[in-house]
Amino acid sequence: MSSALRFALRSRLTTAMRERDRAAVSVLRTAVAAIENAEAVPMAEGAAVTTSADVAGAAVGLGVTEAERRRLDEAAERSLVVAEVHSLAEAEVAYAAAGQPERAREAAVGAALLRAVLDEVGGLAR
């Protein structure tokens, strides 16, 4: 199941890839990855997994590594993207202070792109 936010991010990612906009692709992939990483289920401590003697750390058995991913609600997804916006805003300030105006501009453009996506799906990112 895909939320409106994830759909908007992926839609813009597809467009950015077609247009070969590397900066937008990077920002959008990072935002999508943040959501998908938050859905990952940590391996339970002390979980009994039979490993292969042939490959270090490889799990043996059909489906032994399969786990249902967590489902994030829209508020959780939005908060992850807002965190990305704040991170880019902080990077902009840091790059400007370090005398790297081009990188500061790229960070500002990335933050604006994510804000636009959030605004598009009804979640203000200020």
C-alpha atoms as a PDB file:
ATOM      1  CA  MET A   1       0.000   0.000   0.000  1.00  0.00           C
ATOM      2  CA  SER A   2       1.360   3.380  -0.973  1.00  0.00           C
ATOM      3  CA  SER A   3       0.476   6.660   0.670  1.00  0.00           C
ATOM      4  CA  ALA A   4      -0.165   9.897  -1.188  1.00  0.00           C
ATOM      5  CA  LEU A   5       3.179  11.247   0.042  1.00  0.00           C
ATOM      6  CA  ARG A   6       5.134   8.223  -1.146  1.00  0.00           C
ATOM      7  CA  PHE A   7       3.285   8.304  -4.486  1.00  0.00           C
ATOM      8  CA  ALA A   8       4.142  12.004  -4.930  1.00  0.00           C
ATOM      9  CA  LEU A   9       7.806  11.410  -4.057  1.00  0.00           C
ATOM     10  CA  ARG A  10       8.094   8.502  -6.486  1.00  0.00           C
ATOM     11  CA  SER A  11       6.248  10.379  -9.216  1.00  0.00           C
ATOM     12  CA  ARG A  12       8.628  13.317  -8.913  1.00  0.00           C
ATOM     13  CA  LEU A  13      11.562  10.908  -8.764  1.00  0.00           C
ATOM     14  CA  THR A  14      10.518   9.330 -12.060  1.00  0.00           C
ATOM     15  CA  THR A  15      10.226  12.767 -13.640  1.00  0.00           C
ATOM     16  CA  ALA A  16      13.604  13.853 -12.276  1.00  0.00           C
ATOM     17  CA  MET A  17      15.203  10.688 -13.637  1.00  0.00           C
ATOM     18  CA  ARG A  18      13.723  11.305 -17.083  1.00  0.00           C
ATOM     19  CA  GLU A  19      14.965  14.884 -17.001  1.00  0.00           C
ATOM     20  CA  ARG A  20      18.377  13.733 -15.740  1.00  0.00           C
ATOM     21  CA  ASP A  21      18.158  16.128 -12.797  1.00  0.00           C
ATOM     22  CA  ARG A  22      20.786  14.512 -10.591  1.00  0.00           C
ATOM     23  CA  ALA A  23      20.269  16.840  -7.637  1.00  0.00           C
ATOM     24  CA  ALA A  24      16.501  16.218  -7.524  1.00  0.00           C
ATOM     25  CA  VAL A  25      17.016  12.471  -7.978  1.00  0.00           C
ATOM     26  CA  SER A  26      19.396  12.414  -5.019  1.00  0.00           C
ATOM     27  CA  VAL A  27      17.057  14.365  -2.718  1.00  0.00           C
ATOM     28  CA  LEU A  28      13.972  12.353  -3.684  1.00  0.00           C
ATOM     29  CA  ARG A  29      15.760   8.994  -3.371  1.00  0.00           C
ATOM     30  CA  THR A  30      16.973   9.985   0.070  1.00  0.00           C
ATOM     31  CA  ALA A  31      13.441  10.861   1.173  1.00  0.00           C
ATOM     32  CA  VAL A  32      11.969   7.609  -0.192  1.00  0.00           C
ATOM     33  CA  ALA A  33      14.802   5.629   1.412  1.00  0.00           C
ATOM     34  CA  ALA A  34      14.189   7.294   4.785  1.00  0.00           C
ATOM     35  CA  ILE A  35      10.584   6.096   4.696  1.00  0.00           C
ATOM     36  CA  GLU A  36      11.486   2.596   3.530  1.00  0.00           C
ATOM     37  CA  ASN A  37      14.285   2.249   6.096  1.00  0.00           C
ATOM     38  CA  ALA A  38      11.881   3.229   8.875  1.00  0.00           C
ATOM     39  CA  GLU A  39       9.636   0.353   7.804  1.00  0.00           C
ATOM     40  CA  ALA A  40      12.394  -2.216   8.246  1.00  0.00           C
ATOM     41  CA  VAL A  41      11.931  -4.630  11.118  1.00  0.00           C
ATOM     42  CA  PRO A  42      14.993  -5.067  13.330  1.00  0.00           C
ATOM     43  CA  MET A  43      16.195  -8.619  13.785  1.00  0.00           C
ATOM     44  CA  ALA A  44      15.167  -9.896  17.184  1.00  0.00           C
ATOM     45  CA  GLU A  45      18.045 -10.379  19.588  1.00  0.00           C
ATOM     46  CA  GLY A  46      18.842 -14.011  20.141  1.00  0.00           C
ATOM     47  CA  ALA A  47      16.753 -15.111  17.159  1.00  0.00           C
ATOM     48  CA  ALA A  48      17.623 -18.670  16.202  1.00  0.00           C
ATOM     49  CA  VAL A  49      18.775 -18.683  12.577  1.00  0.00           C
ATOM     50  CA  THR A  50      20.593 -21.617  11.042  1.00  0.00           C
ATOM     51  CA  THR A  51      23.582 -20.325   9.122  1.00  0.00           C
ATOM     52  CA  SER A  52      25.486 -21.790   6.234  1.00  0.00           C
ATOM     53  CA  ALA A  53      28.972 -23.181   6.733  1.00  0.00           C
ATOM     54  CA  ASP A  54      29.767 -22.205   3.142  1.00  0.00           C
ATOM     55  CA  VAL A  55      28.939 -18.512   3.343  1.00  0.00           C
ATOM     56  CA  ALA A  56      29.597 -16.542   6.508  1.00  0.00           C
ATOM     57  CA  GLY A  57      26.394 -15.167   7.988  1.00  0.00           C
ATOM     58  CA  ALA A  58      24.121 -16.604   5.286  1.00  0.00           C
ATOM     59  CA  ALA A  59      20.752 -17.825   6.507  1.00  0.00           C
ATOM     60  CA  VAL A  60      19.612 -21.270   5.430  1.00  0.00           C
ATOM     61  CA  GLY A  61      16.034 -22.282   4.702  1.00  0.00           C
ATOM     62  CA  LEU A  62      13.174 -21.118   2.554  1.00  0.00           C
ATOM     63  CA  GLY A  63      11.753 -17.854   3.865  1.00  0.00           C
ATOM     64  CA  VAL A  64      13.961 -17.803   6.956  1.00  0.00           C
ATOM     65  CA  THR A  65      14.911 -14.158   6.341  1.00  0.00           C
ATOM     66  CA  GLU A  66      11.417 -12.962   5.438  1.00  0.00           C
ATOM     67  CA  ALA A  67       9.641 -10.597   7.798  1.00  0.00           C
ATOM     68  CA  GLU A  68       6.566  -8.426   7.484  1.00  0.00           C
ATOM     69  CA  ARG A  69       7.614  -4.773   7.205  1.00  0.00           C
ATOM     70  CA  ARG A  70       6.168  -2.188   9.556  1.00  0.00           C
ATOM     71  CA  ARG A  71       3.453   0.033   8.160  1.00  0.00           C
ATOM     72  CA  LEU A  72       3.932   3.716   8.832  1.00  0.00           C
ATOM     73  CA  ASP A  73       0.957   6.019   9.030  1.00  0.00           C
ATOM     74  CA  GLU A  74       0.881   9.233   7.016  1.00  0.00           C
ATOM     75  CA  ALA A  75       1.980  11.339   9.983  1.00  0.00           C
ATOM     76  CA  ALA A  76       5.095   9.200  10.505  1.00  0.00           C
ATOM     77  CA  GLU A  77       5.975   9.365   6.806  1.00  0.00           C
ATOM     78  CA  ARG A  78       5.445  13.125   6.806  1.00  0.00           C
ATOM     79  CA  SER A  79       7.645  13.560   9.884  1.00  0.00           C
ATOM     80  CA  LEU A  80      10.467  11.656   8.169  1.00  0.00           C
ATOM     81  CA  VAL A  81      10.297  13.921   5.119  1.00  0.00           C
ATOM     82  CA  VAL A  82      10.098  17.016   7.348  1.00  0.00           C
ATOM     83  CA  ALA A  83      13.269  15.768   9.076  1.00  0.00           C
ATOM     84  CA  GLU A  84      14.930  15.566   5.651  1.00  0.00           C
ATOM     85  CA  VAL A  85      13.854  19.161   4.957  1.00  0.00           C
ATOM     86  CA  HIS A  86      15.372  20.311   8.264  1.00  0.00           C
ATOM     87  CA  SER A  87      18.556  18.388   7.520  1.00  0.00           C
ATOM     88  CA  LEU A  88      18.882  20.092   4.141  1.00  0.00           C
ATOM     89  CA  ALA A  89      18.231  23.508   5.717  1.00  0.00           C
ATOM     90  CA  GLU A  90      20.998  22.852   8.253  1.00  0.00           C
ATOM     91  CA  ALA A  91      23.305  21.738   5.446  1.00  0.00           C
ATOM     92  CA  GLU A  92      22.558  24.947   3.553  1.00  0.00           C
ATOM     93  CA  VAL A  93      23.645  27.043   6.544  1.00  0.00           C
ATOM     94  CA  ALA A  94      26.759  24.939   7.098  1.00  0.00           C
ATOM     95  CA  TYR A  95      27.806  25.087   3.442  1.00  0.00           C
ATOM     96  CA  ALA A  96      27.248  28.845   3.315  1.00  0.00           C
ATOM     97  CA  ALA A  97      29.336  29.303   6.469  1.00  0.00           C
ATOM     98  CA  ALA A  98      32.083  27.150   4.947  1.00  0.00           C
ATOM     99  CA  GLY A  99      32.200  29.333   1.840  1.00  0.00           C
ATOM    100  CA  GLN A 100      30.588  26.799  -0.492  1.00  0.00           C
ATOM    101  CA  PRO A 101      27.730  28.768  -2.046  1.00  0.00           C
ATOM    102  CA  GLU A 102      27.013  26.229  -4.806  1.00  0.00           C
ATOM    103  CA  ARG A 103      26.488  23.383  -2.339  1.00  0.00           C
ATOM    104  CA  ALA A 104      24.433  25.692  -0.119  1.00  0.00           C
ATOM    105  CA  ARG A 105      22.215  26.505  -3.104  1.00  0.00           C
ATOM    106  CA  GLU A 106      21.796  22.792  -3.925  1.00  0.00           C
ATOM    107  CA  ALA A 107      20.726  22.077  -0.338  1.00  0.00           C
ATOM    108  CA  ALA A 108      18.244  24.972  -0.466  1.00  0.00           C
ATOM    109  CA  VAL A 109      16.801  23.723  -3.752  1.00  0.00           C
ATOM    110  CA  GLY A 110      16.471  20.199  -2.299  1.00  0.00           C
ATOM    111  CA  ALA A 111      14.671  21.515   0.775  1.00  0.00           C
ATOM    112  CA  ALA A 112      12.334  23.558  -1.445  1.00  0.00           C
ATOM    113  CA  LEU A 113      11.590  20.482  -3.557  1.00  0.00           C
ATOM    114  CA  LEU A 114      10.618  18.413  -0.532  1.00  0.00           C
ATOM    115  CA  ARG A 115       8.526  21.281   0.847  1.00  0.00           C
ATOM    116  CA  ALA A 116       6.699  21.442  -2.478  1.00  0.00           C
ATOM    117  CA  VAL A 117       5.965  17.719  -2.328  1.00  0.00           C
ATOM    118  CA  LEU A 118       4.688  18.042   1.252  1.00  0.00           C
ATOM    119  CA  ASP A 119       2.528  21.014   0.278  1.00  0.00           C
ATOM    120  CA  GLU A 120       1.189  19.032  -2.697  1.00  0.00           C
ATOM    121  CA  VAL A 121      -0.119  16.292  -0.417  1.00  0.00           C
ATOM    122  CA  GLY A 122      -1.386  18.672   2.239  1.00  0.00           C
ATOM    123  CA  GLY A 123       1.424  18.738   4.780  1.00  0.00           C
ATOM    124  CA  LEU A 124       3.162  22.048   5.252  1.00  0.00           C
ATOM    125  CA  ALA A 125       6.890  21.593   5.916  1.00  0.00           C
ATOM    126  CA  ARG A 126       7.845  24.842   7.575  1.00  0.00           C
END
